[in-house]
N, C-alpha and C. Protein backbone atom coordinates (compact mmCIF):
# COMPACT_ATOMS: atom_id res chain seq x y z
N MET A 1 -236.16 -288.38 3.33
CA MET A 1 -234.74 -288.71 3.19
C MET A 1 -234.44 -289.98 3.99
N ARG A 2 -233.72 -290.93 3.34
CA ARG A 2 -233.34 -292.16 4.03
C ARG A 2 -231.98 -291.93 4.67
N VAL A 3 -231.98 -291.66 5.98
CA VAL A 3 -230.73 -291.28 6.62
C VAL A 3 -229.96 -292.45 7.19
N MET A 4 -230.62 -293.50 7.57
CA MET A 4 -229.91 -294.56 8.28
C MET A 4 -228.99 -295.35 7.36
N SER A 5 -229.21 -295.26 6.04
CA SER A 5 -228.34 -295.97 5.11
C SER A 5 -227.03 -295.22 4.88
N LEU A 6 -226.93 -293.97 5.33
CA LEU A 6 -225.74 -293.17 5.14
C LEU A 6 -224.85 -293.24 6.38
N LYS A 7 -223.55 -293.17 6.18
CA LYS A 7 -222.62 -293.09 7.29
C LYS A 7 -222.78 -291.73 7.96
N PHE A 8 -222.40 -291.66 9.24
CA PHE A 8 -222.64 -290.46 10.03
C PHE A 8 -221.99 -289.23 9.42
N LYS A 9 -220.70 -289.32 9.11
CA LYS A 9 -220.00 -288.17 8.54
C LYS A 9 -220.58 -287.79 7.18
N GLN A 10 -220.82 -288.78 6.35
CA GLN A 10 -221.39 -288.52 5.03
C GLN A 10 -222.75 -287.85 5.15
N LEU A 11 -223.52 -288.29 6.09
CA LEU A 11 -224.86 -287.74 6.28
C LEU A 11 -224.81 -286.25 6.62
N LEU A 12 -224.00 -285.90 7.62
CA LEU A 12 -223.95 -284.50 8.03
C LEU A 12 -223.37 -283.61 6.93
N GLU A 13 -222.38 -284.12 6.20
CA GLU A 13 -221.83 -283.33 5.11
C GLU A 13 -222.85 -283.17 3.99
N LYS A 14 -223.67 -284.18 3.77
CA LYS A 14 -224.73 -284.09 2.76
C LYS A 14 -225.76 -283.04 3.17
N ILE A 15 -226.15 -283.06 4.45
CA ILE A 15 -227.12 -282.08 4.94
C ILE A 15 -226.56 -280.66 4.80
N ALA A 16 -225.28 -280.49 5.13
CA ALA A 16 -224.66 -279.16 5.06
C ALA A 16 -224.56 -278.65 3.63
N ARG A 17 -224.43 -279.56 2.68
CA ARG A 17 -224.26 -279.16 1.27
C ARG A 17 -225.57 -278.85 0.58
N GLU A 18 -226.68 -279.28 1.14
CA GLU A 18 -227.96 -279.14 0.46
C GLU A 18 -228.23 -277.67 0.11
N LYS A 19 -228.65 -277.46 -1.11
CA LYS A 19 -228.93 -276.11 -1.57
C LYS A 19 -230.36 -275.73 -1.23
N ALA A 20 -230.56 -274.45 -0.98
CA ALA A 20 -231.89 -273.93 -0.68
C ALA A 20 -231.96 -272.51 -1.21
N PRO A 21 -233.17 -271.99 -1.43
CA PRO A 21 -233.29 -270.60 -1.90
C PRO A 21 -232.64 -269.63 -0.92
N GLY A 22 -232.10 -268.55 -1.45
CA GLY A 22 -231.51 -267.53 -0.59
C GLY A 22 -230.00 -267.66 -0.52
N PRO A 23 -229.37 -266.91 0.39
CA PRO A 23 -227.91 -266.91 0.52
C PRO A 23 -227.36 -268.29 0.88
N ALA A 24 -226.11 -268.52 0.53
CA ALA A 24 -225.45 -269.78 0.89
C ALA A 24 -225.37 -269.90 2.41
N PRO A 25 -225.51 -271.10 2.95
CA PRO A 25 -225.49 -271.27 4.41
C PRO A 25 -224.14 -270.89 5.01
N THR A 26 -224.17 -270.38 6.22
CA THR A 26 -222.95 -269.94 6.90
C THR A 26 -222.53 -270.95 7.95
N PHE A 27 -222.83 -272.20 7.72
CA PHE A 27 -222.46 -273.25 8.67
C PHE A 27 -221.92 -274.45 7.92
N SER A 28 -221.29 -275.34 8.65
CA SER A 28 -220.68 -276.53 8.06
C SER A 28 -221.22 -277.78 8.75
N ALA A 29 -220.72 -278.94 8.31
CA ALA A 29 -221.10 -280.19 8.96
C ALA A 29 -220.69 -280.20 10.43
N LEU A 30 -219.61 -279.49 10.77
CA LEU A 30 -219.17 -279.44 12.16
C LEU A 30 -220.16 -278.67 13.03
N HIS A 31 -220.81 -277.65 12.47
CA HIS A 31 -221.88 -276.96 13.20
C HIS A 31 -223.04 -277.91 13.45
N LEU A 32 -223.36 -278.73 12.46
CA LEU A 32 -224.45 -279.71 12.64
C LEU A 32 -224.08 -280.72 13.72
N LEU A 33 -222.82 -281.14 13.72
CA LEU A 33 -222.36 -282.08 14.74
C LEU A 33 -222.47 -281.48 16.13
N HIS A 34 -222.04 -280.22 16.29
CA HIS A 34 -222.12 -279.56 17.59
C HIS A 34 -223.58 -279.37 18.00
N ALA A 35 -224.44 -279.07 17.03
CA ALA A 35 -225.86 -278.92 17.33
C ALA A 35 -226.42 -280.23 17.88
N LEU A 36 -226.08 -281.35 17.26
CA LEU A 36 -226.56 -282.64 17.75
C LEU A 36 -226.02 -282.94 19.15
N GLU A 37 -224.77 -282.55 19.39
CA GLU A 37 -224.19 -282.74 20.72
C GLU A 37 -224.97 -281.97 21.78
N LEU A 38 -225.32 -280.73 21.46
CA LEU A 38 -226.08 -279.90 22.40
C LEU A 38 -227.48 -280.46 22.63
N VAL A 39 -228.13 -280.86 21.55
CA VAL A 39 -229.49 -281.40 21.64
C VAL A 39 -229.49 -282.74 22.38
N ALA A 40 -228.41 -283.52 22.20
CA ALA A 40 -228.33 -284.82 22.88
C ALA A 40 -228.26 -284.64 24.40
N ALA A 41 -227.67 -283.52 24.85
CA ALA A 41 -227.53 -283.28 26.28
C ALA A 41 -228.85 -282.89 26.92
N LYS A 42 -229.61 -282.03 26.24
CA LYS A 42 -230.92 -281.60 26.76
C LYS A 42 -231.64 -280.80 25.68
N PRO A 43 -232.97 -280.68 25.76
CA PRO A 43 -233.69 -279.86 24.77
C PRO A 43 -233.16 -278.43 24.77
N ILE A 44 -233.06 -277.86 23.58
CA ILE A 44 -232.48 -276.53 23.45
C ILE A 44 -233.25 -275.73 22.41
N GLY A 45 -233.47 -274.47 22.67
CA GLY A 45 -234.19 -273.60 21.76
C GLY A 45 -233.29 -272.96 20.73
N ARG A 46 -233.91 -272.29 19.75
CA ARG A 46 -233.14 -271.72 18.65
C ARG A 46 -232.18 -270.62 19.12
N ALA A 47 -232.62 -269.75 20.00
CA ALA A 47 -231.77 -268.65 20.46
C ALA A 47 -230.53 -269.18 21.18
N LYS A 48 -230.71 -270.16 22.02
CA LYS A 48 -229.59 -270.74 22.75
C LYS A 48 -228.66 -271.49 21.80
N LEU A 49 -229.25 -272.17 20.83
CA LEU A 49 -228.45 -272.88 19.84
C LEU A 49 -227.59 -271.90 19.04
N SER A 50 -228.19 -270.80 18.66
CA SER A 50 -227.46 -269.75 17.95
C SER A 50 -226.29 -269.25 18.77
N GLU A 51 -226.54 -269.02 20.05
CA GLU A 51 -225.49 -268.53 20.95
C GLU A 51 -224.35 -269.54 21.09
N GLU A 52 -224.70 -270.80 21.29
CA GLU A 52 -223.69 -271.83 21.51
C GLU A 52 -222.87 -272.11 20.25
N LEU A 53 -223.52 -272.07 19.09
CA LEU A 53 -222.84 -272.37 17.83
C LEU A 53 -222.10 -271.17 17.26
N LYS A 54 -222.35 -269.99 17.84
CA LYS A 54 -221.74 -268.75 17.34
C LYS A 54 -222.15 -268.48 15.89
N VAL A 55 -223.43 -268.69 15.61
CA VAL A 55 -223.99 -268.37 14.30
C VAL A 55 -225.22 -267.49 14.50
N GLY A 56 -225.66 -266.83 13.44
CA GLY A 56 -226.85 -266.00 13.53
C GLY A 56 -228.10 -266.84 13.70
N GLU A 57 -229.18 -266.20 14.12
CA GLU A 57 -230.43 -266.95 14.33
C GLU A 57 -230.98 -267.50 13.03
N GLY A 58 -230.70 -266.81 11.92
CA GLY A 58 -231.14 -267.34 10.63
C GLY A 58 -230.45 -268.65 10.31
N ALA A 59 -229.13 -268.72 10.56
CA ALA A 59 -228.39 -269.96 10.33
C ALA A 59 -228.86 -271.05 11.30
N ALA A 60 -229.13 -270.67 12.55
CA ALA A 60 -229.62 -271.64 13.53
C ALA A 60 -230.97 -272.20 13.09
N ARG A 61 -231.80 -271.34 12.54
CA ARG A 61 -233.12 -271.78 12.05
C ARG A 61 -232.95 -272.80 10.92
N THR A 62 -232.00 -272.52 10.01
CA THR A 62 -231.76 -273.44 8.90
C THR A 62 -231.20 -274.76 9.39
N ILE A 63 -230.30 -274.71 10.35
CA ILE A 63 -229.74 -275.93 10.93
C ILE A 63 -230.85 -276.79 11.52
N ILE A 64 -231.74 -276.17 12.28
CA ILE A 64 -232.84 -276.90 12.89
C ILE A 64 -233.74 -277.50 11.81
N THR A 65 -234.04 -276.72 10.80
CA THR A 65 -234.91 -277.20 9.73
C THR A 65 -234.31 -278.41 9.03
N ARG A 66 -233.03 -278.33 8.72
CA ARG A 66 -232.40 -279.43 7.99
C ARG A 66 -232.27 -280.68 8.84
N LEU A 67 -231.92 -280.52 10.09
CA LEU A 67 -231.84 -281.70 10.96
C LEU A 67 -233.21 -282.32 11.19
N LYS A 68 -234.22 -281.47 11.23
CA LYS A 68 -235.58 -281.97 11.40
C LYS A 68 -236.03 -282.71 10.14
N GLU A 69 -235.75 -282.14 8.97
CA GLU A 69 -236.12 -282.79 7.72
C GLU A 69 -235.39 -284.13 7.53
N ALA A 70 -234.18 -284.22 8.09
CA ALA A 70 -233.42 -285.46 8.01
C ALA A 70 -233.90 -286.50 9.02
N GLY A 71 -234.84 -286.11 9.87
CA GLY A 71 -235.38 -287.05 10.85
C GLY A 71 -234.51 -287.24 12.07
N LEU A 72 -233.58 -286.29 12.31
CA LEU A 72 -232.66 -286.45 13.43
C LEU A 72 -233.13 -285.73 14.69
N ILE A 73 -233.91 -284.68 14.54
CA ILE A 73 -234.43 -283.96 15.70
C ILE A 73 -235.91 -283.69 15.53
N SER A 74 -236.57 -283.40 16.62
CA SER A 74 -237.96 -282.94 16.62
C SER A 74 -238.00 -281.64 17.41
N THR A 75 -239.04 -280.86 17.20
CA THR A 75 -239.15 -279.58 17.91
C THR A 75 -240.46 -279.54 18.69
N SER A 76 -240.42 -278.82 19.81
CA SER A 76 -241.60 -278.63 20.65
C SER A 76 -241.41 -277.33 21.41
N LYS A 77 -242.34 -277.00 22.28
CA LYS A 77 -242.20 -275.79 23.09
C LYS A 77 -240.96 -275.85 23.99
N ALA A 78 -240.55 -277.06 24.35
CA ALA A 78 -239.37 -277.23 25.20
C ALA A 78 -238.07 -277.01 24.44
N GLY A 79 -238.14 -277.03 23.10
CA GLY A 79 -236.96 -276.87 22.27
C GLY A 79 -236.74 -278.06 21.36
N CYS A 80 -235.51 -278.21 20.88
CA CYS A 80 -235.16 -279.30 19.97
C CYS A 80 -234.71 -280.52 20.78
N SER A 81 -235.16 -281.70 20.34
CA SER A 81 -234.77 -282.95 20.98
C SER A 81 -234.41 -283.96 19.90
N LEU A 82 -233.57 -284.92 20.24
CA LEU A 82 -233.24 -285.99 19.30
C LEU A 82 -234.43 -286.92 19.11
N THR A 83 -234.64 -287.33 17.88
CA THR A 83 -235.60 -288.40 17.61
C THR A 83 -234.94 -289.73 17.95
N ALA A 84 -235.69 -290.80 17.87
CA ALA A 84 -235.11 -292.12 18.09
C ALA A 84 -234.01 -292.39 17.07
N ARG A 85 -234.25 -291.98 15.84
CA ARG A 85 -233.26 -292.16 14.77
C ARG A 85 -232.01 -291.31 15.07
N GLY A 86 -232.23 -290.07 15.48
CA GLY A 86 -231.11 -289.21 15.82
C GLY A 86 -230.32 -289.74 16.99
N ARG A 87 -231.00 -290.26 18.00
CA ARG A 87 -230.33 -290.83 19.16
C ARG A 87 -229.50 -292.05 18.77
N LYS A 88 -230.01 -292.87 17.88
CA LYS A 88 -229.26 -294.05 17.45
C LYS A 88 -227.97 -293.64 16.75
N LEU A 89 -228.06 -292.68 15.86
CA LEU A 89 -226.88 -292.22 15.15
C LEU A 89 -225.88 -291.57 16.11
N TRP A 90 -226.41 -290.76 17.04
CA TRP A 90 -225.52 -290.11 18.00
C TRP A 90 -224.82 -291.13 18.88
N ASP A 91 -225.53 -292.14 19.33
CA ASP A 91 -224.93 -293.18 20.17
C ASP A 91 -223.84 -293.94 19.41
N GLU A 92 -224.06 -294.16 18.10
CA GLU A 92 -223.05 -294.83 17.29
C GLU A 92 -221.80 -293.97 17.18
N TYR A 93 -222.00 -292.67 17.03
CA TYR A 93 -220.87 -291.74 16.96
C TYR A 93 -220.09 -291.76 18.27
N ARG A 94 -220.80 -291.78 19.40
CA ARG A 94 -220.14 -291.74 20.70
C ARG A 94 -219.41 -293.04 21.03
N LYS A 95 -219.66 -294.09 20.29
CA LYS A 95 -218.89 -295.31 20.47
C LYS A 95 -217.49 -295.15 19.87
N ILE A 96 -217.35 -294.18 18.98
CA ILE A 96 -216.06 -293.93 18.34
C ILE A 96 -215.34 -292.78 19.04
N ILE A 97 -216.05 -291.67 19.23
CA ILE A 97 -215.50 -290.54 19.99
C ILE A 97 -215.99 -290.71 21.42
N THR A 98 -215.19 -291.38 22.23
CA THR A 98 -215.70 -291.82 23.53
C THR A 98 -215.40 -290.85 24.67
N LYS A 99 -214.34 -290.06 24.55
CA LYS A 99 -213.97 -289.16 25.64
C LYS A 99 -213.47 -287.84 25.08
N GLU A 100 -213.81 -286.78 25.80
CA GLU A 100 -213.31 -285.44 25.47
C GLU A 100 -213.09 -284.72 26.79
N ILE A 101 -211.85 -284.30 27.04
CA ILE A 101 -211.53 -283.70 28.33
C ILE A 101 -210.66 -282.46 28.15
N LYS A 102 -210.77 -281.55 29.10
CA LYS A 102 -209.84 -280.42 29.17
C LYS A 102 -208.58 -280.90 29.88
N ILE A 103 -207.45 -280.47 29.40
CA ILE A 103 -206.20 -280.86 30.04
C ILE A 103 -205.39 -279.62 30.38
N GLU A 104 -204.44 -279.82 31.28
CA GLU A 104 -203.55 -278.73 31.64
C GLU A 104 -202.61 -278.43 30.49
N LYS A 105 -201.87 -277.37 30.61
CA LYS A 105 -200.97 -276.94 29.54
C LYS A 105 -200.13 -278.11 29.03
N CYS A 106 -200.12 -278.26 27.73
CA CYS A 106 -199.38 -279.35 27.10
C CYS A 106 -198.01 -278.84 26.65
N GLU A 107 -196.98 -279.68 26.84
CA GLU A 107 -195.63 -279.26 26.47
C GLU A 107 -195.48 -278.94 24.99
N LEU A 108 -196.34 -279.51 24.15
CA LEU A 108 -196.21 -279.34 22.70
C LEU A 108 -197.06 -278.21 22.14
N LEU A 109 -197.89 -277.59 22.98
CA LEU A 109 -198.77 -276.52 22.50
C LEU A 109 -198.66 -275.31 23.42
N SER A 110 -198.53 -274.14 22.82
CA SER A 110 -198.48 -272.91 23.62
C SER A 110 -199.84 -272.23 23.56
N ALA A 111 -200.84 -272.90 24.11
CA ALA A 111 -202.21 -272.39 24.07
C ALA A 111 -202.77 -272.30 25.48
N LYS A 112 -203.70 -271.39 25.66
CA LYS A 112 -204.30 -271.18 26.98
C LYS A 112 -205.27 -272.30 27.32
N TYR A 113 -206.02 -272.78 26.32
CA TYR A 113 -207.01 -273.84 26.54
C TYR A 113 -206.64 -275.04 25.68
N ASN A 114 -206.59 -276.20 26.30
CA ASN A 114 -206.24 -277.43 25.58
C ASN A 114 -207.30 -278.51 25.84
N ILE A 115 -207.67 -279.20 24.79
CA ILE A 115 -208.67 -280.26 24.88
C ILE A 115 -208.10 -281.52 24.24
N ALA A 116 -208.34 -282.65 24.87
CA ALA A 116 -207.93 -283.95 24.31
C ALA A 116 -209.19 -284.75 24.00
N ILE A 117 -209.12 -285.50 22.92
CA ILE A 117 -210.26 -286.31 22.49
C ILE A 117 -209.75 -287.71 22.18
N LEU A 118 -210.55 -288.71 22.50
CA LEU A 118 -210.17 -290.11 22.25
C LEU A 118 -211.02 -290.67 21.11
N VAL A 119 -210.34 -291.16 20.08
CA VAL A 119 -211.01 -291.76 18.92
C VAL A 119 -210.67 -293.24 18.93
N LYS A 120 -211.68 -294.08 19.11
CA LYS A 120 -211.46 -295.51 19.29
C LYS A 120 -211.05 -296.20 17.98
N ASN A 121 -210.01 -297.02 18.10
CA ASN A 121 -209.62 -297.97 17.07
C ASN A 121 -209.41 -297.34 15.69
N CYS A 122 -208.77 -296.18 15.67
CA CYS A 122 -208.53 -295.50 14.39
C CYS A 122 -207.05 -295.22 14.15
N GLY A 123 -206.17 -295.86 14.92
CA GLY A 123 -204.75 -295.60 14.77
C GLY A 123 -204.23 -295.90 13.38
N HIS A 124 -204.82 -296.89 12.71
CA HIS A 124 -204.37 -297.27 11.37
C HIS A 124 -204.68 -296.20 10.33
N LYS A 125 -205.54 -295.23 10.69
CA LYS A 125 -205.88 -294.16 9.75
C LYS A 125 -204.92 -292.98 9.84
N VAL A 126 -204.11 -292.95 10.88
CA VAL A 126 -203.19 -291.83 11.08
C VAL A 126 -201.93 -292.05 10.25
N GLU A 127 -201.55 -291.05 9.48
CA GLU A 127 -200.31 -291.12 8.72
C GLU A 127 -199.22 -290.32 9.44
N THR A 128 -199.19 -289.02 9.26
CA THR A 128 -198.18 -288.20 9.92
C THR A 128 -198.76 -287.29 11.00
N GLY A 129 -200.09 -287.19 11.06
CA GLY A 129 -200.73 -286.26 11.98
C GLY A 129 -200.91 -284.87 11.40
N ILE A 130 -200.35 -284.64 10.22
CA ILE A 130 -200.44 -283.31 9.61
C ILE A 130 -201.87 -282.98 9.21
N GLU A 131 -202.61 -283.97 8.75
CA GLU A 131 -204.00 -283.73 8.35
C GLU A 131 -204.83 -283.23 9.54
N GLN A 132 -204.63 -283.83 10.70
CA GLN A 132 -205.36 -283.40 11.89
C GLN A 132 -204.93 -281.99 12.31
N ARG A 133 -203.62 -281.74 12.27
CA ARG A 133 -203.12 -280.41 12.63
C ARG A 133 -203.68 -279.34 11.70
N ASP A 134 -203.65 -279.60 10.41
CA ASP A 134 -204.12 -278.61 9.44
C ASP A 134 -205.61 -278.33 9.61
N ALA A 135 -206.39 -279.38 9.92
CA ALA A 135 -207.83 -279.19 10.11
C ALA A 135 -208.10 -278.30 11.31
N ALA A 136 -207.34 -278.48 12.37
CA ALA A 136 -207.52 -277.65 13.58
C ALA A 136 -207.09 -276.21 13.32
N VAL A 137 -205.96 -276.03 12.66
CA VAL A 137 -205.45 -274.69 12.37
C VAL A 137 -206.41 -273.93 11.46
N LYS A 138 -207.00 -274.62 10.51
CA LYS A 138 -207.95 -273.98 9.60
C LYS A 138 -209.13 -273.39 10.36
N ILE A 139 -209.52 -274.02 11.45
CA ILE A 139 -210.62 -273.54 12.28
C ILE A 139 -210.19 -272.32 13.11
N GLY A 140 -208.89 -272.23 13.39
CA GLY A 140 -208.40 -271.12 14.22
C GLY A 140 -207.62 -271.55 15.44
N ALA A 141 -207.49 -272.88 15.65
CA ALA A 141 -206.71 -273.38 16.77
C ALA A 141 -205.21 -273.17 16.51
N LYS A 142 -204.42 -273.27 17.55
CA LYS A 142 -202.97 -273.08 17.40
C LYS A 142 -202.29 -274.32 16.84
N GLY A 143 -202.98 -275.42 16.86
CA GLY A 143 -202.40 -276.65 16.34
C GLY A 143 -203.10 -277.86 16.90
N ALA A 144 -202.60 -279.03 16.53
CA ALA A 144 -203.12 -280.29 17.06
C ALA A 144 -202.02 -281.33 17.05
N ILE A 145 -202.01 -282.15 18.07
CA ILE A 145 -201.04 -283.23 18.19
C ILE A 145 -201.81 -284.54 18.14
N THR A 146 -201.39 -285.43 17.26
CA THR A 146 -202.06 -286.71 17.11
C THR A 146 -201.18 -287.81 17.71
N ILE A 147 -201.74 -288.54 18.66
CA ILE A 147 -201.01 -289.56 19.40
C ILE A 147 -201.70 -290.91 19.18
N VAL A 148 -200.93 -291.94 18.91
CA VAL A 148 -201.48 -293.28 18.69
C VAL A 148 -200.98 -294.20 19.79
N PHE A 149 -201.89 -295.02 20.32
CA PHE A 149 -201.50 -296.04 21.30
C PHE A 149 -201.21 -297.32 20.54
N LYS A 150 -199.92 -297.66 20.45
CA LYS A 150 -199.50 -298.80 19.64
C LYS A 150 -198.52 -299.65 20.42
N ASP A 151 -198.79 -300.94 20.46
CA ASP A 151 -197.92 -301.89 21.16
C ASP A 151 -197.65 -301.47 22.60
N GLY A 152 -198.69 -300.93 23.24
CA GLY A 152 -198.58 -300.57 24.64
C GLY A 152 -197.90 -299.24 24.90
N HIS A 153 -197.61 -298.46 23.84
CA HIS A 153 -196.93 -297.19 24.01
C HIS A 153 -197.70 -296.07 23.30
N LEU A 154 -197.56 -294.86 23.84
CA LEU A 154 -198.07 -293.67 23.16
C LEU A 154 -196.99 -293.16 22.23
N ILE A 155 -197.34 -293.01 20.96
CA ILE A 155 -196.37 -292.51 19.99
C ILE A 155 -196.97 -291.33 19.24
N VAL A 156 -196.10 -290.41 18.83
CA VAL A 156 -196.51 -289.28 17.99
C VAL A 156 -195.79 -289.45 16.65
N PRO A 157 -196.50 -289.83 15.60
CA PRO A 157 -195.82 -290.09 14.32
C PRO A 157 -194.91 -288.95 13.90
N GLY A 158 -193.66 -289.31 13.62
CA GLY A 158 -192.69 -288.33 13.15
C GLY A 158 -192.10 -287.45 14.23
N VAL A 159 -192.56 -287.60 15.48
CA VAL A 159 -192.08 -286.74 16.56
C VAL A 159 -191.48 -287.55 17.70
N SER A 160 -192.21 -288.55 18.18
CA SER A 160 -191.75 -289.30 19.34
C SER A 160 -192.26 -290.74 19.29
N ASN A 161 -191.35 -291.68 19.47
CA ASN A 161 -191.73 -293.09 19.58
C ASN A 161 -192.04 -293.50 21.00
N ASP A 162 -191.84 -292.58 21.93
CA ASP A 162 -192.14 -292.85 23.34
C ASP A 162 -192.61 -291.54 23.97
N PHE A 163 -193.89 -291.26 23.85
CA PHE A 163 -194.46 -290.00 24.31
C PHE A 163 -194.33 -289.85 25.83
N LEU A 164 -194.46 -290.97 26.53
CA LEU A 164 -194.34 -290.93 27.99
C LEU A 164 -192.95 -290.48 28.42
N ARG A 165 -191.93 -290.97 27.73
CA ARG A 165 -190.56 -290.58 28.05
C ARG A 165 -190.28 -289.12 27.69
N ASP A 166 -190.71 -288.71 26.52
CA ASP A 166 -190.34 -287.40 26.00
C ASP A 166 -191.23 -286.26 26.51
N TYR A 167 -192.49 -286.56 26.81
CA TYR A 167 -193.42 -285.53 27.27
C TYR A 167 -194.21 -286.10 28.45
N PRO A 168 -193.54 -286.33 29.57
CA PRO A 168 -194.15 -287.07 30.68
C PRO A 168 -195.40 -286.42 31.27
N ASP A 169 -195.43 -285.11 31.40
CA ASP A 169 -196.59 -284.45 32.03
C ASP A 169 -197.86 -284.68 31.23
N ALA A 170 -197.78 -284.42 29.92
CA ALA A 170 -198.95 -284.62 29.06
C ALA A 170 -199.33 -286.09 28.99
N ALA A 171 -198.33 -286.95 28.87
CA ALA A 171 -198.60 -288.38 28.74
C ALA A 171 -199.28 -288.94 29.98
N LYS A 172 -198.82 -288.52 31.15
CA LYS A 172 -199.44 -289.01 32.39
C LYS A 172 -200.89 -288.57 32.51
N GLN A 173 -201.18 -287.34 32.09
CA GLN A 173 -202.58 -286.88 32.08
C GLN A 173 -203.44 -287.75 31.18
N ILE A 174 -202.92 -288.02 29.98
CA ILE A 174 -203.67 -288.81 29.00
C ILE A 174 -203.95 -290.21 29.52
N ILE A 175 -202.92 -290.86 30.04
CA ILE A 175 -203.09 -292.22 30.54
C ILE A 175 -204.07 -292.26 31.71
N ARG A 176 -203.94 -291.30 32.61
CA ARG A 176 -204.79 -291.28 33.80
C ARG A 176 -206.25 -290.97 33.47
N LEU A 177 -206.47 -290.06 32.53
CA LEU A 177 -207.83 -289.59 32.27
C LEU A 177 -208.52 -290.30 31.11
N MET A 178 -207.74 -290.85 30.18
CA MET A 178 -208.37 -291.38 28.96
C MET A 178 -208.27 -292.88 28.81
N HIS A 179 -207.33 -293.52 29.50
CA HIS A 179 -207.20 -294.98 29.47
C HIS A 179 -207.21 -295.54 28.05
N PRO A 180 -206.30 -295.12 27.20
CA PRO A 180 -206.30 -295.60 25.81
C PRO A 180 -206.00 -297.09 25.71
N GLU A 181 -206.52 -297.69 24.66
CA GLU A 181 -206.28 -299.09 24.36
C GLU A 181 -205.62 -299.20 22.98
N GLU A 182 -205.18 -300.40 22.64
CA GLU A 182 -204.47 -300.61 21.38
C GLU A 182 -205.24 -300.04 20.18
N ASN A 183 -204.51 -299.28 19.36
CA ASN A 183 -205.00 -298.67 18.12
C ASN A 183 -205.92 -297.46 18.34
N ASP A 184 -206.04 -297.00 19.59
CA ASP A 184 -206.79 -295.77 19.85
C ASP A 184 -205.95 -294.55 19.46
N VAL A 185 -206.64 -293.47 19.16
CA VAL A 185 -205.99 -292.20 18.82
C VAL A 185 -206.41 -291.15 19.83
N ILE A 186 -205.44 -290.40 20.32
CA ILE A 186 -205.72 -289.24 21.17
C ILE A 186 -205.25 -288.01 20.40
N ILE A 187 -206.11 -287.03 20.27
CA ILE A 187 -205.73 -285.77 19.62
C ILE A 187 -205.84 -284.68 20.67
N ILE A 188 -204.83 -283.83 20.73
CA ILE A 188 -204.84 -282.67 21.62
C ILE A 188 -204.82 -281.43 20.74
N SER A 189 -205.74 -280.52 20.99
CA SER A 189 -205.76 -279.26 20.26
C SER A 189 -205.88 -278.12 21.25
N GLY A 190 -205.25 -277.00 20.92
CA GLY A 190 -205.27 -275.87 21.84
C GLY A 190 -205.54 -274.56 21.13
N ALA A 191 -206.10 -273.62 21.87
CA ALA A 191 -206.39 -272.28 21.37
C ALA A 191 -206.45 -271.33 22.55
N ASP A 192 -206.52 -270.06 22.27
CA ASP A 192 -206.58 -269.07 23.35
C ASP A 192 -208.01 -268.75 23.76
N ALA A 193 -208.98 -269.38 23.12
CA ALA A 193 -210.39 -269.25 23.50
C ALA A 193 -210.99 -270.65 23.58
N PRO A 194 -211.79 -270.95 24.61
CA PRO A 194 -212.29 -272.32 24.78
C PRO A 194 -213.14 -272.82 23.62
N ASN A 195 -213.96 -271.93 23.02
CA ASN A 195 -214.80 -272.38 21.91
C ASN A 195 -213.97 -272.73 20.68
N VAL A 196 -212.85 -272.02 20.47
CA VAL A 196 -211.99 -272.33 19.33
C VAL A 196 -211.22 -273.63 19.57
N ALA A 197 -210.80 -273.87 20.80
CA ALA A 197 -210.17 -275.15 21.14
C ALA A 197 -211.13 -276.31 20.88
N LYS A 198 -212.38 -276.12 21.25
CA LYS A 198 -213.41 -277.13 21.02
C LYS A 198 -213.61 -277.38 19.53
N GLN A 199 -213.71 -276.30 18.76
CA GLN A 199 -213.91 -276.43 17.32
C GLN A 199 -212.70 -277.09 16.67
N GLY A 200 -211.51 -276.72 17.14
CA GLY A 200 -210.29 -277.29 16.57
C GLY A 200 -210.18 -278.78 16.80
N ILE A 201 -210.48 -279.23 18.00
CA ILE A 201 -210.37 -280.66 18.30
C ILE A 201 -211.43 -281.45 17.54
N THR A 202 -212.61 -280.87 17.37
CA THR A 202 -213.66 -281.54 16.62
C THR A 202 -213.28 -281.67 15.15
N ALA A 203 -212.72 -280.60 14.58
CA ALA A 203 -212.30 -280.64 13.19
C ALA A 203 -211.18 -281.65 12.97
N ALA A 204 -210.25 -281.73 13.92
CA ALA A 204 -209.15 -282.68 13.80
C ALA A 204 -209.66 -284.12 13.85
N ALA A 205 -210.55 -284.41 14.79
CA ALA A 205 -211.11 -285.77 14.89
C ALA A 205 -211.94 -286.13 13.68
N TRP A 206 -212.60 -285.14 13.10
CA TRP A 206 -213.47 -285.36 11.94
C TRP A 206 -212.72 -286.00 10.78
N THR A 207 -211.40 -285.71 10.69
CA THR A 207 -210.61 -286.25 9.59
C THR A 207 -210.47 -287.77 9.65
N LEU A 208 -210.74 -288.35 10.81
CA LEU A 208 -210.57 -289.80 10.99
C LEU A 208 -211.88 -290.57 10.84
N LEU A 209 -212.97 -289.90 10.53
CA LEU A 209 -214.28 -290.52 10.62
C LEU A 209 -214.89 -290.88 9.28
N ASP A 210 -214.08 -291.10 8.27
CA ASP A 210 -214.64 -291.38 6.95
C ASP A 210 -215.49 -292.64 6.91
N ASP A 211 -215.23 -293.58 7.80
CA ASP A 211 -215.98 -294.84 7.79
C ASP A 211 -217.10 -294.87 8.83
N CYS A 212 -217.41 -293.71 9.46
CA CYS A 212 -218.41 -293.70 10.52
C CYS A 212 -219.79 -293.53 9.96
């Protein structure tokens, strides 16, 4: 498979769609993305991958097989590791999704766990923020707030033209921890379980990555 000619999002969605004998896969492109994130941090075995992804060992085995066939990971006794090709793609992805942080309770979300993510130079792709919210809710999160840094201000399309004025606590956290620049997007997603908050924020950011 020639993977480097494909965009990152297209590639993972292609891998997730591939048909194979037996039952339909119980994972999505977002599971593949999380798997690459885990493998990028350190070598990881199938059992641990299954635990972290919240999928069965059979699904974890299929994920490993497909990523390996795509040339993105290699396997050894130490576990799964990124190949040079996989590392290059992952590094390109991290140039776009540059920061992900836990934040304190956000005024706009009534969730126990809240995560903010920074998507570089994608403000022009945001319309109303509904697409990001719906993607997070579909995963099980309580919602998502999409914030754009435009003309030196944080704005929430359709909600606030001055996020710092209207929601000072959340805005100050974002500015202090994320240091947004012109046309950057910050998405905040929350849930009552940390893994669901993580999945929700990833799904929301995924909607902006069509050109990655």
